[in-house]
């Protein structure tokens, strides 16, 4: 579930498709099912993660779901043979016979997502797998500086206080999910993405984390906010020997087998 005033922009999201597809590829590699009958990509976005599922399990009944009509349209054009549906993850139920629930970078938007993960996991039959990846980056400069820029300019009142909650601890996820499954694998990976300067970092987050900051602003205010944020990013992410900047991106992974 991705909530915002405006629909998501698939083209902006896919500007960094290779980098964004690495985590779902790493998550997929740890799912211990060889021939699942039905696979659902929860929060499928523009279909880049769904495409990985189709490549691994070409004979599975593959369903992608997302809250964004734009993302669904992009994903359907990319994978005409798959089924896609619009839905609200908070209340969504997996179709009967689903054996893999795959969720790439979606549950971090839901404050009560541990309870949703419990519900989805208990809905799987024995041997089914719930595989989840979430950004764990709210303490990174990229996100801390969003709030600093929001509070520093004439747009502060319009933006208000925006804060994505930190993810629960690994121990919390373990305690909640382990009693419900026979196998539980939880790990962190820190990706270091070499990008073409500070403006590329700003562009990366314009399609995700910055959206809630930008949505309330006029075009002129957005320009001012992005300039302020970009200047802060340039200070926090210095150029390396080849002129690139390194965007450190921590992510949490969970694979639970019922």
C-alpha atoms as a PDB file:
ATOM      1  CA  UNK A   1       0.000   0.000   0.000  1.00  0.00           C
ATOM      2  CA  UNK A   2       1.511   3.274  -1.049  1.00  0.00           C
ATOM      3  CA  UNK A   3      -0.402   6.269   0.172  1.00  0.00           C
ATOM      4  CA  UNK A   4      -0.008   9.767  -1.262  1.00  0.00           C
ATOM      5  CA  UNK A   5      -2.067  12.560  -2.709  1.00  0.00           C
ATOM      6  CA  UNK A   6      -0.959  11.815  -6.236  1.00  0.00           C
ATOM      7  CA  UNK A   7      -0.527   8.473  -7.972  1.00  0.00           C
ATOM      8  CA  UNK A   8       2.938   6.969  -8.305  1.00  0.00           C
ATOM      9  CA  UNK A   9       5.108   7.720 -11.334  1.00  0.00           C
ATOM     10  CA  UNK A  10       6.402   4.411 -12.766  1.00  0.00           C
ATOM     11  CA  UNK A  11       8.842   6.076 -15.171  1.00  0.00           C
ATOM     12  CA  UNK A  12      10.487   8.059 -12.383  1.00  0.00           C
ATOM     13  CA  UNK A  13      10.661   4.936 -10.232  1.00  0.00           C
ATOM     14  CA  UNK A  14      12.307   2.950 -13.033  1.00  0.00           C
ATOM     15  CA  UNK A  15      15.109   5.479 -13.596  1.00  0.00           C
ATOM     16  CA  UNK A  16      17.090   3.330 -11.165  1.00  0.00           C
ATOM     17  CA  UNK A  17      15.619  -0.016 -12.183  1.00  0.00           C
ATOM     18  CA  UNK A  18      18.849  -2.003 -11.935  1.00  0.00           C
ATOM     19  CA  UNK A  19      19.558  -0.781  -8.404  1.00  0.00           C
ATOM     20  CA  UNK A  20      15.947  -1.208  -7.292  1.00  0.00           C
ATOM     21  CA  UNK A  21      15.771  -4.751  -8.679  1.00  0.00           C
ATOM     22  CA  UNK A  22      18.807  -6.061  -6.812  1.00  0.00           C
ATOM     23  CA  UNK A  23      16.970  -6.483  -3.461  1.00  0.00           C
ATOM     24  CA  UNK A  24      14.034  -8.490  -4.884  1.00  0.00           C
ATOM     25  CA  UNK A  25      16.522 -10.638  -6.768  1.00  0.00           C
ATOM     26  CA  UNK A  26      18.402 -11.335  -3.530  1.00  0.00           C
ATOM     27  CA  UNK A  27      15.145 -12.048  -1.699  1.00  0.00           C
ATOM     28  CA  UNK A  28      13.909 -14.400  -4.403  1.00  0.00           C
ATOM     29  CA  UNK A  29      17.107 -16.455  -4.215  1.00  0.00           C
ATOM     30  CA  UNK A  30      16.334 -17.421  -0.605  1.00  0.00           C
ATOM     31  CA  UNK A  31      12.808 -18.773  -1.153  1.00  0.00           C
ATOM     32  CA  UNK A  32      13.030 -22.592  -0.836  1.00  0.00           C
ATOM     33  CA  UNK A  33      10.128 -23.542  -3.119  1.00  0.00           C
ATOM     34  CA  UNK A  34      10.743 -25.152  -6.478  1.00  0.00           C
ATOM     35  CA  UNK A  35       7.290 -25.337  -8.122  1.00  0.00           C
ATOM     36  CA  UNK A  36       4.675 -23.171  -6.380  1.00  0.00           C
ATOM     37  CA  UNK A  37       1.264 -23.257  -8.023  1.00  0.00           C
ATOM     38  CA  UNK A  38       0.253 -19.660  -7.282  1.00  0.00           C
ATOM     39  CA  UNK A  39       2.552 -16.699  -6.586  1.00  0.00           C
ATOM     40  CA  UNK A  40       1.463 -13.182  -5.613  1.00  0.00           C
ATOM     41  CA  UNK A  41       3.668 -10.096  -5.875  1.00  0.00           C
ATOM     42  CA  UNK A  42       2.301  -7.738  -3.196  1.00  0.00           C
ATOM     43  CA  UNK A  43       2.960  -4.090  -4.029  1.00  0.00           C
ATOM     44  CA  UNK A  44       4.227  -5.106  -7.456  1.00  0.00           C
ATOM     45  CA  UNK A  45       4.960  -1.556  -8.616  1.00  0.00           C
ATOM     46  CA  UNK A  46       5.822  -1.326 -12.332  1.00  0.00           C
ATOM     47  CA  UNK A  47       6.419  -5.072 -12.595  1.00  0.00           C
ATOM     48  CA  UNK A  48      10.199  -5.280 -12.263  1.00  0.00           C
ATOM     49  CA  UNK A  49       9.906  -7.651  -9.293  1.00  0.00           C
ATOM     50  CA  UNK A  50       7.003  -9.540 -10.896  1.00  0.00           C
ATOM     51  CA  UNK A  51       9.202 -10.203 -13.911  1.00  0.00           C
ATOM     52  CA  UNK A  52      11.747 -11.944 -11.673  1.00  0.00           C
ATOM     53  CA  UNK A  53       9.009 -14.202 -10.298  1.00  0.00           C
ATOM     54  CA  UNK A  54       7.832 -15.052 -13.820  1.00  0.00           C
ATOM     55  CA  UNK A  55      11.379 -15.984 -14.837  1.00  0.00           C
ATOM     56  CA  UNK A  56      11.900 -18.291 -11.852  1.00  0.00           C
ATOM     57  CA  UNK A  57       8.452 -19.915 -11.897  1.00  0.00           C
ATOM     58  CA  UNK A  58       7.166 -19.702 -15.491  1.00  0.00           C
ATOM     59  CA  UNK A  59       4.424 -22.291 -14.869  1.00  0.00           C
ATOM     60  CA  UNK A  60       2.966 -20.636 -11.773  1.00  0.00           C
ATOM     61  CA  UNK A  61      -0.278 -18.708 -11.704  1.00  0.00           C
ATOM     62  CA  UNK A  62       1.261 -15.266 -11.205  1.00  0.00           C
ATOM     63  CA  UNK A  63      -0.673 -12.330  -9.731  1.00  0.00           C
ATOM     64  CA  UNK A  64       0.609  -8.814  -9.100  1.00  0.00           C
ATOM     65  CA  UNK A  65      -1.273  -6.395  -6.858  1.00  0.00           C
ATOM     66  CA  UNK A  66      -0.686  -2.749  -6.029  1.00  0.00           C
ATOM     67  CA  UNK A  67      -2.641   0.267  -4.788  1.00  0.00           C
ATOM     68  CA  UNK A  68      -1.485   2.450  -7.696  1.00  0.00           C
ATOM     69  CA  UNK A  69      -3.420   2.367 -11.012  1.00  0.00           C
ATOM     70  CA  UNK A  70      -0.379   3.816 -12.813  1.00  0.00           C
ATOM     71  CA  UNK A  71       1.878   1.087 -11.495  1.00  0.00           C
ATOM     72  CA  UNK A  72      -0.643  -1.605 -12.396  1.00  0.00           C
ATOM     73  CA  UNK A  73      -0.914  -0.278 -15.957  1.00  0.00           C
ATOM     74  CA  UNK A  74       2.876  -0.231 -16.353  1.00  0.00           C
ATOM     75  CA  UNK A  75       3.227  -3.739 -14.932  1.00  0.00           C
ATOM     76  CA  UNK A  76       0.468  -5.141 -17.174  1.00  0.00           C
ATOM     77  CA  UNK A  77       2.132  -3.681 -20.258  1.00  0.00           C
ATOM     78  CA  UNK A  78       5.408  -5.218 -19.189  1.00  0.00           C
ATOM     79  CA  UNK A  79       3.973  -8.673 -18.430  1.00  0.00           C
ATOM     80  CA  UNK A  80       0.802  -9.248 -20.474  1.00  0.00           C
ATOM     81  CA  UNK A  81       0.615 -12.912 -19.461  1.00  0.00           C
ATOM     82  CA  UNK A  82       0.387 -12.156 -15.741  1.00  0.00           C
ATOM     83  CA  UNK A  83      -2.710 -11.027 -13.853  1.00  0.00           C
ATOM     84  CA  UNK A  84      -2.727  -7.714 -12.010  1.00  0.00           C
ATOM     85  CA  UNK A  85      -5.215  -6.222  -9.600  1.00  0.00           C
ATOM     86  CA  UNK A  86      -5.554  -3.046  -7.583  1.00  0.00           C
ATOM     87  CA  UNK A  87      -6.017  -3.467  -3.851  1.00  0.00           C
ATOM     88  CA  UNK A  88      -5.397  -2.254  -0.321  1.00  0.00           C
ATOM     89  CA  UNK A  89      -2.811  -4.420   1.401  1.00  0.00           C
ATOM     90  CA  UNK A  90      -4.149  -3.585   4.854  1.00  0.00           C
ATOM     91  CA  UNK A  91      -7.311  -5.598   4.152  1.00  0.00           C
ATOM     92  CA  UNK A  92      -6.228  -7.782   1.213  1.00  0.00           C
ATOM     93  CA  UNK A  93      -6.576 -11.555   1.425  1.00  0.00           C
ATOM     94  CA  UNK A  94      -4.451 -13.955  -0.586  1.00  0.00           C
ATOM     95  CA  UNK A  95      -6.388 -16.063  -3.107  1.00  0.00           C
ATOM     96  CA  UNK A  96      -6.928 -19.677  -2.119  1.00  0.00           C
ATOM     97  CA  UNK A  97      -4.047 -21.890  -3.172  1.00  0.00           C
ATOM     98  CA  UNK A  98      -1.384 -19.178  -2.944  1.00  0.00           C
ATOM     99  CA  UNK A  99       1.979 -20.721  -2.059  1.00  0.00           C
ATOM    100  CA  UNK A 100       4.308 -17.697  -2.290  1.00  0.00           C
ATOM    101  CA  UNK A 101       3.604 -14.174  -1.070  1.00  0.00           C
ATOM    102  CA  UNK A 102       6.362 -11.839  -2.247  1.00  0.00           C
ATOM    103  CA  UNK A 103       6.579  -8.233  -1.064  1.00  0.00           C
ATOM    104  CA  UNK A 104       9.371  -5.923  -2.199  1.00  0.00           C
ATOM    105  CA  UNK A 105       9.644  -2.509  -0.465  1.00  0.00           C
ATOM    106  CA  UNK A 106       6.002  -2.084   0.476  1.00  0.00           C
ATOM    107  CA  UNK A 107       5.299  -2.979   4.110  1.00  0.00           C
ATOM    108  CA  UNK A 108       7.475  -0.191   5.522  1.00  0.00           C
ATOM    109  CA  UNK A 109       4.661   2.212   4.567  1.00  0.00           C
ATOM    110  CA  UNK A 110       2.261   0.485   6.986  1.00  0.00           C
ATOM    111  CA  UNK A 111       2.790   1.195  10.712  1.00  0.00           C
ATOM    112  CA  UNK A 112       0.838  -1.929  11.723  1.00  0.00           C
ATOM    113  CA  UNK A 113       2.533  -4.188   9.192  1.00  0.00           C
ATOM    114  CA  UNK A 114       3.757  -6.854  11.698  1.00  0.00           C
ATOM    115  CA  UNK A 115       0.118  -7.755  12.359  1.00  0.00           C
ATOM    116  CA  UNK A 116      -0.547  -7.864   8.614  1.00  0.00           C
ATOM    117  CA  UNK A 117       2.460 -10.160   8.113  1.00  0.00           C
ATOM    118  CA  UNK A 118       1.098 -12.467  10.813  1.00  0.00           C
ATOM    119  CA  UNK A 119      -2.303 -12.552   9.113  1.00  0.00           C
ATOM    120  CA  UNK A 120      -0.855 -13.250   5.679  1.00  0.00           C
ATOM    121  CA  UNK A 121       1.470 -15.940   6.989  1.00  0.00           C
ATOM    122  CA  UNK A 122      -1.288 -17.786   8.838  1.00  0.00           C
ATOM    123  CA  UNK A 123      -3.351 -17.732   5.631  1.00  0.00           C
ATOM    124  CA  UNK A 124      -0.768 -19.839   3.806  1.00  0.00           C
ATOM    125  CA  UNK A 125      -0.973 -23.608   3.776  1.00  0.00           C
ATOM    126  CA  UNK A 126       1.867 -25.700   5.161  1.00  0.00           C
ATOM    127  CA  UNK A 127       5.003 -25.235   3.078  1.00  0.00           C
ATOM    128  CA  UNK A 128       3.963 -21.841   1.719  1.00  0.00           C
ATOM    129  CA  UNK A 129       6.394 -18.936   1.944  1.00  0.00           C
ATOM    130  CA  UNK A 130       6.076 -15.271   2.852  1.00  0.00           C
ATOM    131  CA  UNK A 131       9.061 -13.295   1.526  1.00  0.00           C
ATOM    132  CA  UNK A 132       9.430  -9.627   2.443  1.00  0.00           C
ATOM    133  CA  UNK A 133      12.024  -6.912   1.837  1.00  0.00           C
ATOM    134  CA  UNK A 134      11.791  -3.455   3.430  1.00  0.00           C
ATOM    135  CA  UNK A 135      14.063  -0.395   3.364  1.00  0.00           C
ATOM    136  CA  UNK A 136      15.504   0.186   6.830  1.00  0.00           C
ATOM    137  CA  UNK A 137      16.920   3.626   6.148  1.00  0.00           C
ATOM    138  CA  UNK A 138      15.042   6.238   8.187  1.00  0.00           C
ATOM    139  CA  UNK A 139      18.235   7.054  10.095  1.00  0.00           C
ATOM    140  CA  UNK A 140      20.294   7.504   6.924  1.00  0.00           C
ATOM    141  CA  UNK A 141      21.280  11.076   5.896  1.00  0.00           C
ATOM    142  CA  UNK A 142      19.012  10.782   2.863  1.00  0.00           C
ATOM    143  CA  UNK A 143      15.960  10.645   5.154  1.00  0.00           C
ATOM    144  CA  UNK A 144      17.083  12.743   8.086  1.00  0.00           C
ATOM    145  CA  UNK A 145      17.810  15.592   5.696  1.00  0.00           C
ATOM    146  CA  UNK A 146      14.278  15.475   4.305  1.00  0.00           C
ATOM    147  CA  UNK A 147      12.961  16.508   7.714  1.00  0.00           C
ATOM    148  CA  UNK A 148      15.678  19.132   8.180  1.00  0.00           C
ATOM    149  CA  UNK A 149      14.848  20.714   4.830  1.00  0.00           C
ATOM    150  CA  UNK A 150      11.118  20.523   5.580  1.00  0.00           C
ATOM    151  CA  UNK A 151      11.540  22.463   8.824  1.00  0.00           C
ATOM    152  CA  UNK A 152      13.954  25.066   7.452  1.00  0.00           C
ATOM    153  CA  UNK A 153      11.964  26.854   4.757  1.00  0.00           C
ATOM    154  CA  UNK A 154       8.759  28.829   4.199  1.00  0.00           C
ATOM    155  CA  UNK A 155       7.045  25.556   3.283  1.00  0.00           C
ATOM    156  CA  UNK A 156       7.367  24.167   6.835  1.00  0.00           C
ATOM    157  CA  UNK A 157       3.743  24.807   7.803  1.00  0.00           C
ATOM    158  CA  UNK A 158       2.426  23.168   4.641  1.00  0.00           C
ATOM    159  CA  UNK A 159       4.542  20.067   5.020  1.00  0.00           C
ATOM    160  CA  UNK A 160       4.103  19.671   8.764  1.00  0.00           C
ATOM    161  CA  UNK A 161       5.828  16.877  10.642  1.00  0.00           C
ATOM    162  CA  UNK A 162       6.419  13.816   8.501  1.00  0.00           C
ATOM    163  CA  UNK A 163       8.194  10.797   9.845  1.00  0.00           C
ATOM    164  CA  UNK A 164       8.178   7.241   8.646  1.00  0.00           C
ATOM    165  CA  UNK A 165       8.439   5.027  11.687  1.00  0.00           C
ATOM    166  CA  UNK A 166      11.551   2.931  12.166  1.00  0.00           C
ATOM    167  CA  UNK A 167      11.107  -0.780  11.562  1.00  0.00           C
ATOM    168  CA  UNK A 168      10.711  -3.014  14.603  1.00  0.00           C
ATOM    169  CA  UNK A 169      13.814  -4.870  15.742  1.00  0.00           C
ATOM    170  CA  UNK A 170      14.812  -8.193  14.221  1.00  0.00           C
ATOM    171  CA  UNK A 171      13.968  -9.776  17.576  1.00  0.00           C
ATOM    172  CA  UNK A 172      10.431  -8.400  17.411  1.00  0.00           C
ATOM    173  CA  UNK A 173       9.846  -9.880  13.966  1.00  0.00           C
ATOM    174  CA  UNK A 174      11.329 -13.185  15.111  1.00  0.00           C
ATOM    175  CA  UNK A 175       9.132 -13.391  18.214  1.00  0.00           C
ATOM    176  CA  UNK A 176       5.965 -12.647  16.255  1.00  0.00           C
ATOM    177  CA  UNK A 177       6.571 -14.845  13.202  1.00  0.00           C
ATOM    178  CA  UNK A 178       8.549 -17.832  14.484  1.00  0.00           C
ATOM    179  CA  UNK A 179       5.595 -19.448  16.319  1.00  0.00           C
ATOM    180  CA  UNK A 180       3.685 -19.391  13.017  1.00  0.00           C
ATOM    181  CA  UNK A 181       6.257 -21.047  10.763  1.00  0.00           C
ATOM    182  CA  UNK A 182       8.704 -23.941  10.588  1.00  0.00           C
ATOM    183  CA  UNK A 183      11.522 -21.925   9.024  1.00  0.00           C
ATOM    184  CA  UNK A 184      12.379 -18.252   9.504  1.00  0.00           C
ATOM    185  CA  UNK A 185      15.291 -16.435   7.886  1.00  0.00           C
ATOM    186  CA  UNK A 186      15.904 -12.754   8.720  1.00  0.00           C
ATOM    187  CA  UNK A 187      18.870 -10.679   7.573  1.00  0.00           C
ATOM    188  CA  UNK A 188      20.071  -7.186   6.746  1.00  0.00           C
ATOM    189  CA  UNK A 189      21.958  -6.101   3.639  1.00  0.00           C
ATOM    190  CA  UNK A 190      23.614  -2.713   3.191  1.00  0.00           C
ATOM    191  CA  UNK A 191      23.761  -1.762  -0.483  1.00  0.00           C
ATOM    192  CA  UNK A 192      26.146   0.945  -1.661  1.00  0.00           C
ATOM    193  CA  UNK A 193      24.847   2.388  -4.914  1.00  0.00           C
ATOM    194  CA  UNK A 194      27.307   4.514  -6.932  1.00  0.00           C
ATOM    195  CA  UNK A 195      25.230   7.329  -8.418  1.00  0.00           C
ATOM    196  CA  UNK A 196      26.015  10.309 -10.649  1.00  0.00           C
ATOM    197  CA  UNK A 197      26.286  12.977  -7.974  1.00  0.00           C
ATOM    198  CA  UNK A 198      23.970  14.424  -5.337  1.00  0.00           C
ATOM    199  CA  UNK A 199      21.219  15.298  -7.889  1.00  0.00           C
ATOM    200  CA  UNK A 200      20.876  11.570  -8.617  1.00  0.00           C
ATOM    201  CA  UNK A 201      20.149  10.878  -4.948  1.00  0.00           C
ATOM    202  CA  UNK A 202      17.461  13.565  -5.003  1.00  0.00           C
ATOM    203  CA  UNK A 203      16.021  12.028  -8.174  1.00  0.00           C
ATOM    204  CA  UNK A 204      16.021   8.567  -6.575  1.00  0.00           C
ATOM    205  CA  UNK A 205      13.887   9.671  -3.639  1.00  0.00           C
ATOM    206  CA  UNK A 206      11.554  11.897  -5.660  1.00  0.00           C
ATOM    207  CA  UNK A 207       9.740   8.710  -6.660  1.00  0.00           C
ATOM    208  CA  UNK A 208       9.487   7.363  -3.096  1.00  0.00           C
ATOM    209  CA  UNK A 209      10.358   9.021   0.226  1.00  0.00           C
ATOM    210  CA  UNK A 210      10.196  12.639  -0.947  1.00  0.00           C
ATOM    211  CA  UNK A 211       6.659  12.330  -2.297  1.00  0.00           C
ATOM    212  CA  UNK A 212       4.941  13.004   1.024  1.00  0.00           C
ATOM    213  CA  UNK A 213       7.063  16.148   1.437  1.00  0.00           C
ATOM    214  CA  UNK A 214       6.425  17.425  -2.089  1.00  0.00           C
ATOM    215  CA  UNK A 215       2.731  16.629  -2.494  1.00  0.00           C
ATOM    216  CA  UNK A 216       1.401  19.557  -0.376  1.00  0.00           C
ATOM    217  CA  UNK A 217       3.603  22.158  -2.111  1.00  0.00           C
ATOM    218  CA  UNK A 218       3.087  24.402  -5.118  1.00  0.00           C
ATOM    219  CA  UNK A 219       5.440  24.027  -8.091  1.00  0.00           C
ATOM    220  CA  UNK A 220       7.517  26.979  -6.898  1.00  0.00           C
ATOM    221  CA  UNK A 221       7.706  25.642  -3.357  1.00  0.00           C
ATOM    222  CA  UNK A 222       8.712  22.211  -4.617  1.00  0.00           C
ATOM    223  CA  UNK A 223      11.561  23.762  -6.562  1.00  0.00           C
ATOM    224  CA  UNK A 224      12.760  25.615  -3.460  1.00  0.00           C
ATOM    225  CA  UNK A 225      12.443  22.582  -1.220  1.00  0.00           C
ATOM    226  CA  UNK A 226      14.351  20.348  -3.652  1.00  0.00           C
ATOM    227  CA  UNK A 227      17.109  22.932  -3.972  1.00  0.00           C
ATOM    228  CA  UNK A 228      17.456  23.094  -0.181  1.00  0.00           C
ATOM    229  CA  UNK A 229      17.389  19.309   0.177  1.00  0.00           C
ATOM    230  CA  UNK A 230      19.847  18.884  -2.709  1.00  0.00           C
ATOM    231  CA  UNK A 231      22.349  21.249  -1.089  1.00  0.00           C
ATOM    232  CA  UNK A 232      22.174  19.252   2.142  1.00  0.00           C
ATOM    233  CA  UNK A 233      22.584  15.981   0.244  1.00  0.00           C
ATOM    234  CA  UNK A 234      25.678  17.342  -1.537  1.00  0.00           C
ATOM    235  CA  UNK A 235      27.276  18.021   1.855  1.00  0.00           C
ATOM    236  CA  UNK A 236      26.385  14.605   3.258  1.00  0.00           C
ATOM    237  CA  UNK A 237      27.412  12.540   0.216  1.00  0.00           C
ATOM    238  CA  UNK A 238      30.836  13.679  -1.067  1.00  0.00           C
ATOM    239  CA  UNK A 239      32.097  12.751  -4.510  1.00  0.00           C
ATOM    240  CA  UNK A 240      34.410   9.739  -4.661  1.00  0.00           C
ATOM    241  CA  UNK A 241      37.518   9.167  -6.741  1.00  0.00           C
ATOM    242  CA  UNK A 242      35.505   8.665  -9.944  1.00  0.00           C
ATOM    243  CA  UNK A 243      33.086  11.523  -9.314  1.00  0.00           C
ATOM    244  CA  UNK A 244      30.302   9.213  -8.136  1.00  0.00           C
ATOM    245  CA  UNK A 245      28.542   9.440  -4.779  1.00  0.00           C
ATOM    246  CA  UNK A 246      27.755   6.353  -2.712  1.00  0.00           C
ATOM    247  CA  UNK A 247      24.169   6.004  -1.546  1.00  0.00           C
ATOM    248  CA  UNK A 248      24.191   3.618   1.405  1.00  0.00           C
ATOM    249  CA  UNK A 249      20.854   1.794   1.543  1.00  0.00           C
ATOM    250  CA  UNK A 250      20.141  -0.667   4.400  1.00  0.00           C
ATOM    251  CA  UNK A 251      17.361  -3.179   3.789  1.00  0.00           C
ATOM    252  CA  UNK A 252      15.725  -5.854   5.958  1.00  0.00           C
ATOM    253  CA  UNK A 253      14.788  -9.253   4.521  1.00  0.00           C
ATOM    254  CA  UNK A 254      12.419 -11.896   5.901  1.00  0.00           C
ATOM    255  CA  UNK A 255      11.600 -15.344   4.509  1.00  0.00           C
ATOM    256  CA  UNK A 256       9.063 -17.312   6.557  1.00  0.00           C
ATOM    257  CA  UNK A 257       7.953 -20.816   5.564  1.00  0.00           C
ATOM    258  CA  UNK A 258       4.646 -21.959   7.063  1.00  0.00           C
END
